[in-house]
C-alpha atoms as a PDB file:
ATOM      1  CA  MET A   1      18.901  11.615  13.244  1.00  0.00           C
ATOM      2  CA  ILE A   2      19.587  10.040  10.511  1.00  0.00           C
ATOM      3  CA  PHE A   3      17.638   8.545   8.176  1.00  0.00           C
ATOM      4  CA  THR A   4      17.883   4.915   8.155  1.00  0.00           C
ATOM      5  CA  GLY A   5      15.627   3.517   5.354  1.00  0.00           C
ATOM      6  CA  LYS A   6      14.735   3.757   1.313  1.00  0.00           C
ATOM      7  CA  PHE A   7      14.825   6.423   0.129  1.00  0.00           C
ATOM      8  CA  ILE A   8      12.330   5.900  -3.001  1.00  0.00           C
ATOM      9  CA  PHE A   9      11.786   8.463  -6.409  1.00  0.00           C
ATOM     10  CA  GLU A  10       8.575   8.502  -8.374  1.00  0.00           C
ATOM     11  CA  ILE A  11       7.874  10.914 -11.221  1.00  0.00           C
ATOM     12  CA  THR A  12       5.121  10.419 -13.838  1.00  0.00           C
ATOM     13  CA  ILE A  13       6.464  11.706 -17.024  1.00  0.00           C
ATOM     14  CA  ILE A  14       3.693  13.843 -18.651  1.00  0.00           C
ATOM     15  CA  ARG A  15       3.079  15.080 -22.533  1.00  0.00           C
ATOM     16  CA  GLY A  16       3.390  17.981 -22.635  1.00  0.00           C
ATOM     17  CA  TYR A  17       5.056  18.433 -18.966  1.00  0.00           C
ATOM     18  CA  ASN A  18       8.160  16.655 -18.112  1.00  0.00           C
ATOM     19  CA  ASP A  19       8.901  14.868 -21.507  1.00  0.00           C
ATOM     20  CA  ASP A  20      10.496  17.319 -23.126  1.00  0.00           C
ATOM     21  CA  GLU A  21      14.558  17.682 -23.065  1.00  0.00           C
ATOM     22  CA  GLU A  22      15.229  19.945 -20.558  1.00  0.00           C
ATOM     23  CA  SER A  23      13.156  18.270 -18.382  1.00  0.00           C
ATOM     24  CA  ILE A  24      15.270  15.230 -18.648  1.00  0.00           C
ATOM     25  CA  LYS A  25      18.182  17.070 -18.163  1.00  0.00           C
ATOM     26  CA  ASN A  26      16.510  18.779 -14.502  1.00  0.00           C
ATOM     27  CA  ILE A  27      15.262  14.903 -13.887  1.00  0.00           C
ATOM     28  CA  LYS A  28      18.054  12.970 -13.675  1.00  0.00           C
ATOM     29  CA  ASN A  29      19.919  15.599 -12.102  1.00  0.00           C
ATOM     30  CA  ILE A  30      17.874  15.660  -9.365  1.00  0.00           C
ATOM     31  CA  ILE A  31      18.586  11.640  -9.334  1.00  0.00           C
ATOM     32  CA  LYS A  32      22.377  11.581  -9.908  1.00  0.00           C
ATOM     33  CA  GLU A  33      21.601  14.419  -6.368  1.00  0.00           C
ATOM     34  CA  ILE A  34      19.278  12.517  -4.029  1.00  0.00           C
ATOM     35  CA  SER A  35      20.693   9.154  -5.432  1.00  0.00           C
ATOM     36  CA  PRO A  36      18.246   7.197  -4.056  1.00  0.00           C
ATOM     37  CA  ASN A  37      17.233   3.718  -3.027  1.00  0.00           C
ATOM     38  CA  LYS A  38      14.862   2.630  -6.097  1.00  0.00           C
ATOM     39  CA  ILE A  39      13.827   4.540  -9.222  1.00  0.00           C
ATOM     40  CA  ILE A  40      10.181   4.213 -10.347  1.00  0.00           C
ATOM     41  CA  ILE A  41       9.656   5.890 -13.825  1.00  0.00           C
ATOM     42  CA  ALA A  42       5.061   6.413 -14.594  1.00  0.00           C
ATOM     43  CA  ARG A  43       3.379   7.657 -17.043  1.00  0.00           C
ATOM     44  CA  ILE A  44       0.056   8.843 -17.830  1.00  0.00           C
ATOM     45  CA  GLU A  45      -2.237   5.247 -17.104  1.00  0.00           C
ATOM     46  CA  ASP A  46      -5.781   6.502 -17.010  1.00  0.00           C
ATOM     47  CA  GLU A  47      -7.276   6.238 -20.444  1.00  0.00           C
ATOM     48  CA  ARG A  48      -8.642   9.360 -20.038  1.00  0.00           C
ATOM     49  CA  PHE A  49      -5.704  11.703 -19.822  1.00  0.00           C
ATOM     50  CA  LYS A  50      -3.688   9.051 -21.596  1.00  0.00           C
ATOM     51  CA  LYS A  51      -4.893  10.343 -24.695  1.00  0.00           C
ATOM     52  CA  LYS A  52      -3.765  14.510 -24.401  1.00  0.00           C
ATOM     53  CA  ARG A  53      -1.045  13.906 -21.720  1.00  0.00           C
ATOM     54  CA  GLY A  54      -0.259  10.749 -22.455  1.00  0.00           C
ATOM     55  CA  ILE A  55       2.952   9.681 -24.263  1.00  0.00           C
ATOM     56  CA  THR A  56       4.075   6.678 -26.836  1.00  0.00           C
ATOM     57  CA  ASP A  57       5.747   3.228 -25.630  1.00  0.00           C
ATOM     58  CA  GLU A  58       8.856   5.254 -27.665  1.00  0.00           C
ATOM     59  CA  ARG A  59       9.692   7.946 -26.583  1.00  0.00           C
ATOM     60  CA  PHE A  60       8.819   6.785 -23.217  1.00  0.00           C
ATOM     61  CA  GLU A  61      11.220   3.941 -23.592  1.00  0.00           C
ATOM     62  CA  GLU A  62      14.237   6.717 -25.072  1.00  0.00           C
ATOM     63  CA  ILE A  63      13.309   8.507 -22.082  1.00  0.00           C
ATOM     64  CA  LEU A  64      13.660   5.443 -19.657  1.00  0.00           C
ATOM     65  CA  ASN A  65      16.918   4.596 -21.105  1.00  0.00           C
ATOM     66  CA  LEU A  66      18.225   8.717 -20.963  1.00  0.00           C
ATOM     67  CA  LEU A  67      16.911   8.183 -17.062  1.00  0.00           C
ATOM     68  CA  LEU A  68      18.116   4.861 -15.946  1.00  0.00           C
ATOM     69  CA  ASN A  69      21.356   4.392 -17.598  1.00  0.00           C
ATOM     70  CA  SER A  70      24.026   6.903 -17.178  1.00  0.00           C
END
């Protein structure tokens, strides 16, 4: 059976978990390998968790540029 739909890759960036350079490099390699039709990169927006695990606007922009611009 051949998949004929669209493949959407979504990832949430979490401070202290996957926001370091090595993790970003690995995510970028995964994106290249699976070649999704659409990429969604999110971050924690819930105020309860944002203080401990959220990332700054500047860091989020850096990560977006690293992942979306090859």
